[in-house]
Amino acid sequence: MHRTNIYLDEAQRDALDRLAAEEGTSRAELIRRVLDRWLRGDHHDASDDLEAIDASFGALAGLDVPERGVDERARHLEKVWRAGT
């Protein structure tokens, strides 16, 4: 297995986290499952998925999330990002 970084917007991340918690699995595992289905050609019209994502938007709008300070991972990602530009 190879590591791949992707950028998700907050709504995508939140929806994946809710689904992962419901299924008792990780965000990464859910992404792999969806990708596997898509690559097998076992996919459907995305309108139902987009509706579910839209319906979940703002579900945690009132949540007070503390700011995350700069840590080693953030410094590494910044370094990688700058190297690619």
N, C-alpha and C. Protein backbone atom coordinates (compact mmCIF):
# COMPACT_ATOMS: atom_id res chain seq x y z
N MET A 1 0.85 -1.17 0.00
CA MET A 1 0.00 0.00 0.00
C MET A 1 0.90 1.23 0.00
N HIS A 2 0.49 2.26 -0.74
CA HIS A 2 1.25 3.50 -0.83
C HIS A 2 0.45 4.64 -0.21
N ARG A 3 1.15 5.56 0.41
CA ARG A 3 0.51 6.71 1.03
C ARG A 3 0.29 7.79 -0.03
N THR A 4 -0.91 8.37 -0.02
CA THR A 4 -1.25 9.47 -0.91
C THR A 4 -1.99 10.52 -0.11
N ASN A 5 -1.59 11.76 -0.25
CA ASN A 5 -2.27 12.86 0.44
C ASN A 5 -3.25 13.51 -0.52
N ILE A 6 -4.44 13.82 -0.01
CA ILE A 6 -5.43 14.57 -0.78
C ILE A 6 -5.95 15.70 0.09
N TYR A 7 -6.47 16.72 -0.54
CA TYR A 7 -7.07 17.83 0.17
C TYR A 7 -8.58 17.69 0.10
N LEU A 8 -9.24 17.78 1.25
CA LEU A 8 -10.69 17.73 1.33
C LEU A 8 -11.18 19.04 1.92
N ASP A 9 -12.35 19.48 1.46
CA ASP A 9 -12.90 20.65 2.13
C ASP A 9 -13.55 20.18 3.44
N GLU A 10 -13.94 21.12 4.26
CA GLU A 10 -14.46 20.78 5.58
C GLU A 10 -15.69 19.89 5.51
N ALA A 11 -16.59 20.19 4.59
CA ALA A 11 -17.81 19.39 4.48
C ALA A 11 -17.49 17.94 4.10
N GLN A 12 -16.54 17.75 3.19
CA GLN A 12 -16.15 16.39 2.80
C GLN A 12 -15.54 15.66 3.99
N ARG A 13 -14.63 16.33 4.69
CA ARG A 13 -13.98 15.73 5.85
C ARG A 13 -15.01 15.36 6.92
N ASP A 14 -15.91 16.29 7.21
CA ASP A 14 -16.91 16.05 8.24
C ASP A 14 -17.83 14.89 7.87
N ALA A 15 -18.27 14.85 6.61
CA ALA A 15 -19.15 13.77 6.17
C ALA A 15 -18.43 12.43 6.25
N LEU A 16 -17.18 12.38 5.82
CA LEU A 16 -16.40 11.14 5.91
C LEU A 16 -16.20 10.72 7.36
N ASP A 17 -15.93 11.67 8.23
CA ASP A 17 -15.73 11.34 9.64
C ASP A 17 -17.00 10.77 10.27
N ARG A 18 -18.15 11.35 9.92
CA ARG A 18 -19.42 10.82 10.45
C ARG A 18 -19.65 9.39 9.96
N LEU A 19 -19.45 9.17 8.66
CA LEU A 19 -19.63 7.82 8.11
C LEU A 19 -18.64 6.83 8.71
N ALA A 20 -17.42 7.25 8.88
CA ALA A 20 -16.39 6.37 9.45
C ALA A 20 -16.77 5.99 10.87
N ALA A 21 -17.24 6.95 11.65
CA ALA A 21 -17.66 6.65 13.03
C ALA A 21 -18.83 5.69 13.04
N GLU A 22 -19.79 5.90 12.16
CA GLU A 22 -20.96 5.01 12.08
C GLU A 22 -20.55 3.58 11.72
N GLU A 23 -19.57 3.44 10.82
CA GLU A 23 -19.15 2.13 10.36
C GLU A 23 -17.99 1.55 11.17
N GLY A 24 -17.46 2.34 12.09
CA GLY A 24 -16.34 1.86 12.90
C GLY A 24 -15.07 1.62 12.09
N THR A 25 -14.82 2.51 11.15
CA THR A 25 -13.65 2.38 10.30
C THR A 25 -12.98 3.75 10.15
N SER A 26 -11.96 3.83 9.35
CA SER A 26 -11.24 5.09 9.18
C SER A 26 -11.73 5.85 7.95
N ARG A 27 -11.40 7.12 7.92
CA ARG A 27 -11.69 7.96 6.76
C ARG A 27 -10.98 7.38 5.53
N ALA A 28 -9.73 6.98 5.70
CA ALA A 28 -8.95 6.44 4.58
C ALA A 28 -9.59 5.17 4.02
N GLU A 29 -10.09 4.31 4.90
CA GLU A 29 -10.73 3.08 4.43
C GLU A 29 -11.97 3.38 3.60
N LEU A 30 -12.76 4.36 4.03
CA LEU A 30 -13.94 4.74 3.24
C LEU A 30 -13.54 5.24 1.86
N ILE A 31 -12.51 6.05 1.80
CA ILE A 31 -12.04 6.57 0.51
C ILE A 31 -11.58 5.43 -0.38
N ARG A 32 -10.85 4.47 0.20
CA ARG A 32 -10.39 3.31 -0.59
C ARG A 32 -11.57 2.51 -1.12
N ARG A 33 -12.59 2.31 -0.31
CA ARG A 33 -13.78 1.55 -0.76
C ARG A 33 -14.46 2.23 -1.93
N VAL A 34 -14.67 3.54 -1.82
CA VAL A 34 -15.32 4.28 -2.89
C VAL A 34 -14.47 4.22 -4.16
N LEU A 35 -13.18 4.42 -4.01
CA LEU A 35 -12.28 4.37 -5.15
C LEU A 35 -12.28 2.99 -5.81
N ASP A 36 -12.26 1.93 -5.00
CA ASP A 36 -12.32 0.57 -5.55
C ASP A 36 -13.59 0.36 -6.35
N ARG A 37 -14.73 0.81 -5.82
CA ARG A 37 -16.00 0.66 -6.54
C ARG A 37 -15.95 1.41 -7.87
N TRP A 38 -15.43 2.62 -7.84
CA TRP A 38 -15.36 3.44 -9.05
C TRP A 38 -14.46 2.77 -10.09
N LEU A 39 -13.31 2.30 -9.67
CA LEU A 39 -12.37 1.68 -10.60
C LEU A 39 -12.90 0.38 -11.20
N ARG A 40 -13.75 -0.33 -10.45
CA ARG A 40 -14.38 -1.55 -10.98
C ARG A 40 -15.52 -1.23 -11.92
N GLY A 41 -15.90 0.03 -12.00
CA GLY A 41 -17.04 0.40 -12.83
C GLY A 41 -18.34 0.23 -12.11
N ASP A 42 -18.28 -0.04 -10.82
CA ASP A 42 -19.48 -0.27 -10.00
C ASP A 42 -19.88 1.04 -9.34
N HIS A 43 -20.26 2.01 -10.16
CA HIS A 43 -20.65 3.30 -9.61
C HIS A 43 -21.97 3.71 -10.23
N HIS A 44 -22.57 4.70 -9.66
CA HIS A 44 -23.87 5.16 -10.09
C HIS A 44 -23.83 6.67 -10.27
N ASP A 45 -24.94 7.21 -10.64
CA ASP A 45 -25.07 8.65 -10.76
C ASP A 45 -24.73 9.28 -9.41
N ALA A 46 -23.88 10.25 -9.41
CA ALA A 46 -23.40 10.85 -8.17
C ALA A 46 -24.41 11.80 -7.54
N SER A 47 -25.57 12.00 -8.14
CA SER A 47 -26.52 12.99 -7.61
C SER A 47 -26.97 12.64 -6.19
N ASP A 48 -27.18 11.35 -5.89
CA ASP A 48 -27.57 10.97 -4.52
C ASP A 48 -26.45 11.27 -3.54
N ASP A 49 -25.22 11.01 -3.95
CA ASP A 49 -24.07 11.29 -3.08
C ASP A 49 -23.94 12.79 -2.85
N LEU A 50 -24.09 13.56 -3.90
CA LEU A 50 -23.97 15.01 -3.77
C LEU A 50 -25.08 15.58 -2.89
N GLU A 51 -26.28 15.01 -2.99
CA GLU A 51 -27.38 15.43 -2.12
C GLU A 51 -27.05 15.16 -0.66
N ALA A 52 -26.48 13.99 -0.38
CA ALA A 52 -26.12 13.64 1.00
C ALA A 52 -25.04 14.58 1.53
N ILE A 53 -24.08 14.91 0.70
CA ILE A 53 -23.03 15.83 1.11
C ILE A 53 -23.62 17.22 1.37
N ASP A 54 -24.48 17.68 0.46
CA ASP A 54 -25.12 18.99 0.65
C ASP A 54 -25.96 19.01 1.92
N ALA A 55 -26.66 17.93 2.20
CA ALA A 55 -27.51 17.87 3.39
C ALA A 55 -26.68 17.91 4.67
N SER A 56 -25.46 17.44 4.61
CA SER A 56 -24.62 17.41 5.80
C SER A 56 -23.89 18.73 6.04
N PHE A 57 -23.93 19.63 5.08
CA PHE A 57 -23.19 20.89 5.21
C PHE A 57 -23.69 21.69 6.41
N GLY A 58 -22.76 22.14 7.22
CA GLY A 58 -23.10 22.96 8.38
C GLY A 58 -23.53 22.18 9.60
N ALA A 59 -23.44 20.87 9.56
CA ALA A 59 -23.90 20.05 10.68
C ALA A 59 -23.15 20.37 11.97
N LEU A 60 -21.92 20.78 11.87
CA LEU A 60 -21.12 21.09 13.06
C LEU A 60 -20.75 22.57 13.11
N ALA A 61 -21.58 23.41 12.51
CA ALA A 61 -21.26 24.83 12.42
C ALA A 61 -21.04 25.47 13.79
N GLY A 62 -21.75 25.02 14.82
CA GLY A 62 -21.62 25.62 16.14
C GLY A 62 -20.50 25.05 16.98
N LEU A 63 -19.78 24.10 16.44
CA LEU A 63 -18.71 23.45 17.20
C LEU A 63 -17.51 24.36 17.32
N ASP A 64 -17.03 24.55 18.55
CA ASP A 64 -15.86 25.38 18.79
C ASP A 64 -14.62 24.48 18.72
N VAL A 65 -13.87 24.62 17.64
CA VAL A 65 -12.68 23.81 17.43
C VAL A 65 -11.45 24.65 17.73
N PRO A 66 -10.62 24.20 18.66
CA PRO A 66 -9.42 24.99 18.97
C PRO A 66 -8.46 25.01 17.79
N GLU A 67 -7.73 26.11 17.67
CA GLU A 67 -6.73 26.22 16.62
C GLU A 67 -5.63 25.20 16.85
N ARG A 68 -5.15 24.62 15.79
CA ARG A 68 -4.06 23.67 15.87
C ARG A 68 -2.77 24.41 15.57
N GLY A 69 -1.84 24.31 16.48
CA GLY A 69 -0.56 24.97 16.29
C GLY A 69 0.26 24.28 15.22
N VAL A 70 1.33 24.93 14.83
CA VAL A 70 2.23 24.35 13.84
C VAL A 70 2.96 23.18 14.50
N ASP A 71 2.83 22.03 13.91
CA ASP A 71 3.51 20.85 14.43
C ASP A 71 4.44 20.28 13.35
N GLU A 72 5.11 19.21 13.66
CA GLU A 72 6.07 18.63 12.71
C GLU A 72 5.40 18.23 11.40
N ARG A 73 4.19 17.67 11.47
CA ARG A 73 3.48 17.25 10.25
C ARG A 73 3.15 18.47 9.39
N ALA A 74 2.67 19.54 10.02
CA ALA A 74 2.34 20.74 9.27
C ALA A 74 3.58 21.33 8.61
N ARG A 75 4.69 21.32 9.31
CA ARG A 75 5.94 21.84 8.72
C ARG A 75 6.36 20.98 7.52
N HIS A 76 6.22 19.66 7.67
CA HIS A 76 6.58 18.76 6.58
C HIS A 76 5.70 19.00 5.35
N LEU A 77 4.39 19.11 5.57
CA LEU A 77 3.47 19.32 4.44
C LEU A 77 3.75 20.66 3.76
N GLU A 78 4.07 21.68 4.54
CA GLU A 78 4.42 22.98 3.95
C GLU A 78 5.66 22.85 3.08
N LYS A 79 6.66 22.12 3.58
CA LYS A 79 7.90 21.92 2.83
C LYS A 79 7.63 21.18 1.52
N VAL A 80 6.80 20.14 1.57
CA VAL A 80 6.46 19.37 0.37
C VAL A 80 5.69 20.24 -0.60
N TRP A 81 4.76 21.03 -0.09
CA TRP A 81 3.94 21.90 -0.94
C TRP A 81 4.83 22.90 -1.69
N ARG A 82 5.77 23.52 -0.97
CA ARG A 82 6.63 24.52 -1.58
C ARG A 82 7.59 23.89 -2.59
N ALA A 83 8.02 22.65 -2.34
CA ALA A 83 8.91 21.96 -3.27
C ALA A 83 8.23 21.69 -4.60
N GLY A 84 6.90 21.50 -4.58
CA GLY A 84 6.16 21.19 -5.79
C GLY A 84 5.79 22.40 -6.61
N THR A 85 5.99 23.60 -6.07
CA THR A 85 5.60 24.80 -6.81
C THR A 85 6.76 25.47 -7.48
